[in-house]
Amino acid sequence: MNDTNEPQDGKPVGSQETNTKPSATEEGGWLSGLWETLRTVIYAVLIALVVRTFLYEPFNIPSGSMKPTLLVGDYLFVSKYAYGYSRHAFPFGIAPFNGRIWADAPERGDVVVFKLPRDNETDYIKRVIGLPGDRIQVINGLLHINGEAVKRESVGEVLMKNDLGFPERSVEYVETLPNGRQHAIWEFSDDARYDNTPVYTVPEDHFFAMGDNRDKSLDSRATSHVGFVPFENLVGRAGIIFFSHKEDSSILEFWKWPMSIRFSRLFDDII
């Protein structure tokens, strides 16, 4: 029997060894938490990819070719399922089929996003004016469909800045298509480059698309650049504006949002 405070193993009584290495239980809990976080991120990415591919894809407007309907700085959702699916609905154009499945043709007057036929890569947004078999012509700035002049009514003059920042005056009209669809257009002149055209006969499975800013739009009237739009090239129908900021600001400059956001345009339907 040892009555002293000297330890039998040579260490002072009451001392304890400190183990800094995590226990198996603690290490397992850390790894489990990491896996849960990674799994949540993976699920979120997959859900976003599915939504973007099959339901809605966000787009922003970089030019004024669709004024006054769409402005530079508008961000909108495009319905991917509106016209069915082609390879252009899939990332990198990779699709397990040819042509278009669950096809549903656009109506005259729809605002659509499509891949530029010239390269099948660049996204364009315009309004469907001509359907397969239609004869489209512009005479002195006035749109004609199948030999009939399309009704347009003047709303008044609009003063806007051009690309160089100088004031420019245009006339705003309300155009009524043969199916009754109405939309606003701008005309700076009735004698501009594409205000007098030949007759364009829209081929089968193609569409004729025009910008609402008629004298500032490169569209199907420019046969060497855009021309007729194949049905397969349609990405979707423009649906709703979910964000909009002024042209002279950036979406990344969030500190300017109180002054730069166009609140009146948020969640507007695109007609």
Protein backbone atom coordinates (compact mmCIF):
# COMPACT_ATOMS: atom_id res chain seq x y z
CA MET A 1 0.00 0.00 0.00
CA ASN A 2 1.38 3.39 -1.01
CA ASP A 3 0.47 6.27 1.32
CA THR A 4 2.42 8.94 -0.59
CA ASN A 5 1.31 11.25 -3.39
CA GLU A 6 3.96 9.95 -5.70
CA PRO A 7 2.42 8.14 -8.64
CA GLN A 8 3.37 4.62 -9.36
CA ASP A 9 3.90 5.35 -13.04
CA GLY A 10 6.12 8.35 -12.38
CA LYS A 11 3.50 11.05 -13.17
CA PRO A 12 2.10 13.51 -10.63
CA VAL A 13 -1.21 12.52 -9.11
CA GLY A 14 -4.15 14.39 -10.65
CA SER A 15 -2.52 15.02 -14.04
CA GLN A 16 -4.43 13.99 -17.19
CA GLU A 17 -3.32 13.45 -20.78
CA THR A 18 -5.05 15.78 -23.31
CA ASN A 19 -6.19 14.14 -26.56
CA THR A 20 -6.60 16.80 -29.31
CA LYS A 21 -7.46 14.32 -32.02
CA PRO A 22 -11.25 14.25 -32.72
CA SER A 23 -13.01 11.11 -31.76
CA ALA A 24 -14.43 8.79 -34.38
CA THR A 25 -17.91 10.02 -33.48
CA GLU A 26 -16.96 13.71 -33.92
CA GLU A 27 -15.18 13.04 -37.22
CA GLY A 28 -18.13 11.06 -38.52
CA GLY A 29 -20.51 13.90 -37.59
CA TRP A 30 -18.36 16.44 -39.46
CA LEU A 31 -18.23 14.30 -42.58
CA SER A 32 -21.97 13.69 -42.38
CA GLY A 33 -22.64 17.44 -42.18
CA LEU A 34 -20.39 18.10 -45.17
CA TRP A 35 -22.15 15.44 -47.22
CA GLU A 36 -25.56 16.89 -46.33
CA THR A 37 -24.41 20.33 -47.50
CA LEU A 38 -23.00 18.93 -50.75
CA ARG A 39 -26.15 16.92 -51.36
CA THR A 40 -28.31 20.04 -50.85
CA VAL A 41 -26.16 21.98 -53.33
CA ILE A 42 -26.33 19.15 -55.87
CA TYR A 43 -30.12 18.93 -55.55
CA ALA A 44 -30.43 22.71 -55.95
CA VAL A 45 -28.27 22.67 -59.09
CA LEU A 46 -30.23 19.77 -60.60
CA ILE A 47 -33.58 21.44 -59.86
CA ALA A 48 -32.33 24.72 -61.39
CA LEU A 49 -31.09 22.85 -64.46
CA VAL A 50 -34.41 21.06 -64.92
CA VAL A 51 -36.38 24.30 -64.51
CA ARG A 52 -34.09 26.15 -66.91
CA THR A 53 -34.16 23.38 -69.51
CA PHE A 54 -37.80 22.38 -69.46
CA LEU A 55 -39.82 25.20 -67.87
CA TYR A 56 -38.48 28.74 -67.73
CA GLU A 57 -35.21 30.31 -68.81
CA PRO A 58 -34.16 33.86 -67.88
CA PHE A 59 -33.06 36.27 -70.61
CA ASN A 60 -32.03 39.91 -70.59
CA ILE A 61 -32.60 42.53 -73.28
CA PRO A 62 -29.33 44.01 -74.61
CA SER A 63 -30.70 46.17 -77.46
CA GLY A 64 -33.61 48.44 -78.30
CA SER A 65 -35.02 46.48 -81.26
CA MET A 66 -38.19 45.57 -79.34
CA LYS A 67 -38.97 49.03 -77.93
CA PRO A 68 -41.43 50.04 -76.60
CA THR A 69 -42.49 46.50 -75.59
CA LEU A 70 -39.09 45.55 -74.18
CA LEU A 71 -36.40 47.94 -72.99
CA VAL A 72 -32.67 47.58 -72.57
CA GLY A 73 -32.19 46.37 -69.00
CA ASP A 74 -35.33 44.21 -68.89
CA TYR A 75 -34.94 40.68 -67.52
CA LEU A 76 -37.63 38.21 -68.45
CA PHE A 77 -38.66 34.60 -68.16
CA VAL A 78 -39.18 32.62 -71.35
CA SER A 79 -41.54 29.66 -71.33
CA LYS A 80 -39.58 26.71 -72.73
CA TYR A 81 -42.56 24.38 -72.97
CA ALA A 82 -44.88 26.77 -74.87
CA TYR A 83 -44.00 25.37 -78.30
CA GLY A 84 -42.66 21.96 -77.34
CA TYR A 85 -38.98 21.06 -77.33
CA SER A 86 -36.22 20.91 -79.90
CA ARG A 87 -32.49 20.51 -79.45
CA HIS A 88 -32.23 24.26 -78.89
CA ALA A 89 -34.03 23.88 -75.57
CA PHE A 90 -31.17 21.79 -74.20
CA PRO A 91 -27.77 22.95 -72.96
CA PHE A 92 -25.19 22.96 -75.77
CA GLY A 93 -27.90 21.79 -78.19
CA ILE A 94 -27.55 18.20 -76.99
CA ALA A 95 -30.87 16.35 -77.31
CA PRO A 96 -31.76 12.66 -77.62
CA PHE A 97 -34.06 13.31 -80.61
CA ASN A 98 -34.35 15.19 -83.89
CA GLY A 99 -36.93 17.80 -84.85
CA ARG A 100 -39.46 18.96 -82.27
CA ILE A 101 -41.53 16.99 -79.78
CA TRP A 102 -44.88 18.01 -78.26
CA ALA A 103 -44.90 20.73 -80.91
CA ASP A 104 -47.40 23.58 -80.59
CA ALA A 105 -46.95 26.37 -83.15
CA PRO A 106 -46.79 30.00 -82.00
CA GLU A 107 -49.65 32.38 -82.65
CA ARG A 108 -49.31 35.51 -84.70
CA GLY A 109 -48.22 38.29 -82.35
CA ASP A 110 -46.28 36.11 -79.88
CA VAL A 111 -42.95 37.50 -78.69
CA VAL A 112 -40.46 34.67 -79.09
CA VAL A 113 -36.82 33.87 -78.40
CA PHE A 114 -35.11 31.91 -81.17
CA LYS A 115 -31.67 30.86 -82.29
CA LEU A 116 -30.39 32.92 -85.18
CA PRO A 117 -30.67 30.62 -88.24
CA ARG A 118 -27.32 31.83 -89.55
CA ASP A 119 -25.34 30.28 -86.69
CA ASN A 120 -27.94 28.39 -84.58
CA GLU A 121 -26.28 29.86 -81.47
CA THR A 122 -27.12 33.55 -81.03
CA ASP A 123 -30.34 34.30 -79.15
CA TYR A 124 -32.74 36.75 -80.79
CA ILE A 125 -36.07 38.05 -79.53
CA LYS A 126 -38.72 39.32 -81.95
CA ARG A 127 -42.46 39.20 -82.59
CA VAL A 128 -44.03 36.55 -84.83
CA ILE A 129 -45.70 38.42 -87.70
CA GLY A 130 -45.91 35.82 -90.46
CA LEU A 131 -47.04 32.18 -90.29
CA PRO A 132 -46.22 29.41 -92.78
CA GLY A 133 -47.70 30.25 -96.18
CA ASP A 134 -48.22 33.97 -95.41
CA ARG A 135 -47.13 36.70 -97.80
CA ILE A 136 -45.47 39.55 -95.91
CA GLN A 137 -44.57 42.95 -97.32
CA VAL A 138 -43.85 46.45 -95.99
CA ILE A 139 -44.97 49.38 -98.16
CA ASN A 140 -44.10 52.92 -97.08
CA GLY A 141 -43.64 51.69 -93.53
CA LEU A 142 -47.04 49.98 -93.40
CA LEU A 143 -47.12 46.23 -92.81
CA HIS A 144 -49.13 44.11 -95.26
CA ILE A 145 -50.12 40.49 -94.63
CA ASN A 146 -51.49 38.45 -97.54
CA GLY A 147 -52.12 41.58 -99.55
CA GLU A 148 -54.04 43.41 -96.80
CA ALA A 149 -52.69 46.46 -94.99
CA VAL A 150 -52.46 45.94 -91.24
CA LYS A 151 -54.32 48.55 -89.23
CA ARG A 152 -52.21 50.93 -87.21
CA GLU A 153 -53.30 53.93 -85.17
CA SER A 154 -51.03 56.75 -84.03
CA VAL A 155 -50.70 57.21 -80.27
CA GLY A 156 -48.42 60.24 -80.48
CA GLU A 157 -44.79 61.24 -80.71
CA VAL A 158 -42.05 59.87 -78.49
CA LEU A 159 -38.75 61.64 -77.80
CA MET A 160 -35.92 59.24 -77.06
CA LYS A 161 -32.12 59.24 -77.15
CA ASN A 162 -30.48 57.40 -80.03
CA ASP A 163 -27.38 55.21 -79.78
CA LEU A 164 -25.16 58.30 -79.79
CA GLY A 165 -27.09 59.93 -76.97
CA PHE A 166 -28.78 62.55 -79.12
CA PRO A 167 -32.54 63.15 -78.92
CA GLU A 168 -34.56 61.46 -81.64
CA ARG A 169 -38.26 61.71 -82.33
CA SER A 170 -40.44 58.77 -83.35
CA VAL A 171 -44.13 58.04 -83.72
CA GLU A 172 -45.78 55.35 -81.60
CA TYR A 173 -48.57 53.32 -83.20
CA VAL A 174 -50.86 50.57 -82.00
CA GLU A 175 -50.79 47.83 -84.61
CA THR A 176 -53.68 45.35 -84.88
CA LEU A 177 -52.82 42.02 -86.49
CA PRO A 178 -55.39 39.97 -88.46
CA ASN A 179 -56.11 37.76 -85.41
CA GLY A 180 -56.96 40.81 -83.29
CA ARG A 181 -53.70 40.90 -81.33
CA GLN A 182 -52.58 44.46 -80.60
CA HIS A 183 -49.15 45.79 -79.70
CA ALA A 184 -47.24 49.06 -79.80
CA ILE A 185 -44.61 49.81 -82.44
CA TRP A 186 -42.23 52.71 -83.06
CA GLU A 187 -41.56 54.26 -86.47
CA PHE A 188 -38.89 56.92 -86.91
CA SER A 189 -39.67 57.18 -90.61
CA ASP A 190 -41.81 55.53 -93.27
CA ASP A 191 -38.93 55.62 -95.72
CA ALA A 192 -36.17 53.82 -93.84
CA ARG A 193 -34.15 50.86 -95.10
CA TYR A 194 -36.79 48.16 -94.53
CA ASP A 195 -39.90 50.33 -94.99
CA ASN A 196 -40.30 49.20 -98.61
CA THR A 197 -39.65 45.54 -99.19
CA PRO A 198 -40.39 42.79 -101.68
CA VAL A 199 -43.02 40.18 -100.88
CA TYR A 200 -41.74 37.50 -98.52
CA THR A 201 -43.55 34.15 -98.77
CA VAL A 202 -43.06 32.23 -95.54
CA PRO A 203 -42.00 28.61 -96.15
CA GLU A 204 -43.54 25.59 -94.44
CA ASP A 205 -42.37 25.12 -90.83
CA HIS A 206 -40.94 28.65 -90.76
CA PHE A 207 -42.01 32.00 -89.32
CA PHE A 208 -41.49 35.66 -90.14
CA ALA A 209 -40.34 37.74 -87.16
CA MET A 210 -40.06 41.51 -86.77
CA GLY A 211 -38.99 43.90 -84.03
CA ASP A 212 -41.46 46.40 -82.61
CA ASN A 213 -38.90 49.18 -83.06
CA ARG A 214 -39.37 48.83 -86.79
CA ASP A 215 -36.62 51.12 -88.09
CA LYS A 216 -34.10 49.92 -85.49
CA SER A 217 -34.57 46.17 -85.87
CA LEU A 218 -32.56 43.63 -87.82
CA ASP A 219 -35.13 40.90 -88.39
CA SER A 220 -36.66 38.59 -91.00
CA ARG A 221 -36.72 41.46 -93.50
CA ALA A 222 -32.91 41.17 -93.56
CA THR A 223 -32.78 37.88 -95.47
CA SER A 224 -28.98 37.60 -95.43
CA HIS A 225 -28.76 38.08 -91.67
CA VAL A 226 -31.95 36.68 -90.11
CA GLY A 227 -34.46 35.64 -92.74
CA PHE A 228 -37.20 33.11 -92.06
CA VAL A 229 -37.05 31.45 -88.65
CA PRO A 230 -37.32 27.62 -88.65
CA PHE A 231 -39.82 26.19 -86.16
CA GLU A 232 -37.00 24.07 -84.75
CA ASN A 233 -35.06 27.23 -83.81
CA LEU A 234 -37.72 28.55 -81.44
CA VAL A 235 -36.51 28.46 -77.84
CA GLY A 236 -39.71 29.67 -76.18
CA ARG A 237 -42.29 32.40 -75.65
CA ALA A 238 -41.46 35.55 -73.68
CA GLY A 239 -43.75 35.58 -70.67
CA ILE A 240 -43.07 38.06 -67.87
CA ILE A 241 -40.57 40.77 -66.89
CA PHE A 242 -39.15 39.84 -63.49
CA PHE A 243 -36.55 42.62 -63.19
CA SER A 244 -35.77 45.87 -64.98
CA HIS A 245 -33.17 48.58 -64.54
CA LYS A 246 -32.29 51.74 -66.43
CA GLU A 247 -29.92 51.53 -69.36
CA ASP A 248 -27.20 53.62 -67.72
CA SER A 249 -26.84 51.25 -64.76
CA SER A 250 -25.87 47.62 -64.17
CA ILE A 251 -27.76 44.88 -62.38
CA LEU A 252 -24.59 44.34 -60.32
CA GLU A 253 -24.68 47.90 -58.95
CA PHE A 254 -27.16 46.96 -56.24
CA TRP A 255 -26.42 50.14 -54.28
CA LYS A 256 -28.07 52.08 -57.15
CA TRP A 257 -31.20 49.90 -57.25
CA PRO A 258 -33.49 52.32 -55.37
CA MET A 259 -32.94 54.85 -58.17
CA SER A 260 -32.24 52.59 -61.16
CA ILE A 261 -34.94 49.90 -60.90
CA ARG A 262 -38.00 50.46 -63.10
CA PHE A 263 -40.50 49.32 -60.48
CA SER A 264 -43.47 49.94 -62.79
CA ARG A 265 -42.22 47.22 -65.16
CA LEU A 266 -41.70 44.48 -62.59
CA PHE A 267 -43.89 41.42 -63.22
CA ASP A 268 -45.46 42.93 -66.36
CA ASP A 269 -46.84 40.41 -68.84
CA ILE A 270 -45.28 40.67 -72.29
CA ILE A 271 -47.95 41.26 -74.95
